[in-house]
């Protein structure tokens, strides 16, 4: 999909491809409309070695 040049400066939601006037409105949209997607895909914070990793001291 190609956007016209007039819309290049506007942020766009990558889930529903809707354009917004500024980044704050995009964040608000994603927190309301796609809340379930972001909650289920949170980045895991636990850091541990994977099976088969080799540690060199």
C-alpha atoms as a PDB file:
ATOM      1  CA  UNK A   1       0.000   0.000   0.000  1.00  0.00           C
ATOM      2  CA  UNK A   2       1.366   3.407  -0.924  1.00  0.00           C
ATOM      3  CA  UNK A   3       0.419   6.555   0.988  1.00  0.00           C
ATOM      4  CA  UNK A   4       0.046   9.889  -0.751  1.00  0.00           C
ATOM      5  CA  UNK A   5       2.739  12.466   0.039  1.00  0.00           C
ATOM      6  CA  UNK A   6       0.371  14.578   2.166  1.00  0.00           C
ATOM      7  CA  UNK A   7       0.019  11.774   4.746  1.00  0.00           C
ATOM      8  CA  UNK A   8       3.687  10.849   5.142  1.00  0.00           C
ATOM      9  CA  UNK A   9       4.171  12.966   8.265  1.00  0.00           C
ATOM     10  CA  UNK A  10       1.201  11.430  10.119  1.00  0.00           C
ATOM     11  CA  UNK A  11       1.712   8.414  12.409  1.00  0.00           C
ATOM     12  CA  UNK A  12      -0.154   5.276  11.422  1.00  0.00           C
ATOM     13  CA  UNK A  13      -1.393   2.332  13.480  1.00  0.00           C
ATOM     14  CA  UNK A  14       0.335  -0.808  12.206  1.00  0.00           C
ATOM     15  CA  UNK A  15      -2.527  -3.022  13.379  1.00  0.00           C
ATOM     16  CA  UNK A  16      -5.477  -1.364  11.626  1.00  0.00           C
ATOM     17  CA  UNK A  17      -3.625   1.069   9.285  1.00  0.00           C
ATOM     18  CA  UNK A  18      -5.563   4.086  10.512  1.00  0.00           C
ATOM     19  CA  UNK A  19      -3.747   7.440  10.329  1.00  0.00           C
ATOM     20  CA  UNK A  20      -3.640  10.008  13.156  1.00  0.00           C
ATOM     21  CA  UNK A  21      -2.732  13.674  13.520  1.00  0.00           C
ATOM     22  CA  UNK A  22      -0.056  13.151  16.187  1.00  0.00           C
ATOM     23  CA  UNK A  23       1.670  10.436  18.195  1.00  0.00           C
ATOM     24  CA  UNK A  24      -0.431  11.097  21.328  1.00  0.00           C
ATOM     25  CA  UNK A  25      -3.652  10.277  19.485  1.00  0.00           C
ATOM     26  CA  UNK A  26      -2.028   7.123  18.097  1.00  0.00           C
ATOM     27  CA  UNK A  27      -0.984   5.990  21.602  1.00  0.00           C
ATOM     28  CA  UNK A  28      -4.489   6.692  22.931  1.00  0.00           C
ATOM     29  CA  UNK A  29      -6.025   4.712  20.040  1.00  0.00           C
ATOM     30  CA  UNK A  30      -3.734   1.737  20.628  1.00  0.00           C
ATOM     31  CA  UNK A  31      -4.399   1.741  24.372  1.00  0.00           C
ATOM     32  CA  UNK A  32      -8.171   1.703  23.795  1.00  0.00           C
ATOM     33  CA  UNK A  33      -8.755  -0.237  20.567  1.00  0.00           C
ATOM     34  CA  UNK A  34      -5.887  -2.747  20.675  1.00  0.00           C
ATOM     35  CA  UNK A  35      -5.460  -3.162  24.436  1.00  0.00           C
ATOM     36  CA  UNK A  36      -5.915  -6.938  24.283  1.00  0.00           C
ATOM     37  CA  UNK A  37      -3.185  -7.306  21.619  1.00  0.00           C
ATOM     38  CA  UNK A  38      -0.615  -5.337  23.609  1.00  0.00           C
ATOM     39  CA  UNK A  39      -1.439  -7.104  26.885  1.00  0.00           C
ATOM     40  CA  UNK A  40      -1.056 -10.551  25.335  1.00  0.00           C
ATOM     41  CA  UNK A  41       2.223  -9.632  23.570  1.00  0.00           C
ATOM     42  CA  UNK A  42       4.142  -7.990  26.392  1.00  0.00           C
ATOM     43  CA  UNK A  43       7.885  -8.305  26.178  1.00  0.00           C
ATOM     44  CA  UNK A  44       9.209 -10.850  28.626  1.00  0.00           C
ATOM     45  CA  UNK A  45      11.624  -9.377  31.158  1.00  0.00           C
ATOM     46  CA  UNK A  46      13.128 -12.581  32.497  1.00  0.00           C
ATOM     47  CA  UNK A  47      16.702 -13.107  31.297  1.00  0.00           C
ATOM     48  CA  UNK A  48      18.029 -16.603  31.630  1.00  0.00           C
ATOM     49  CA  UNK A  49      20.163 -18.862  29.527  1.00  0.00           C
ATOM     50  CA  UNK A  50      18.500 -20.916  26.865  1.00  0.00           C
ATOM     51  CA  UNK A  51      19.001 -24.695  26.708  1.00  0.00           C
ATOM     52  CA  UNK A  52      22.317 -25.415  24.994  1.00  0.00           C
ATOM     53  CA  UNK A  53      23.892 -22.018  25.747  1.00  0.00           C
ATOM     54  CA  UNK A  54      27.580 -22.134  26.644  1.00  0.00           C
ATOM     55  CA  UNK A  55      29.001 -19.710  29.205  1.00  0.00           C
ATOM     56  CA  UNK A  56      32.723 -18.909  29.042  1.00  0.00           C
ATOM     57  CA  UNK A  57      34.425 -17.556  32.156  1.00  0.00           C
END
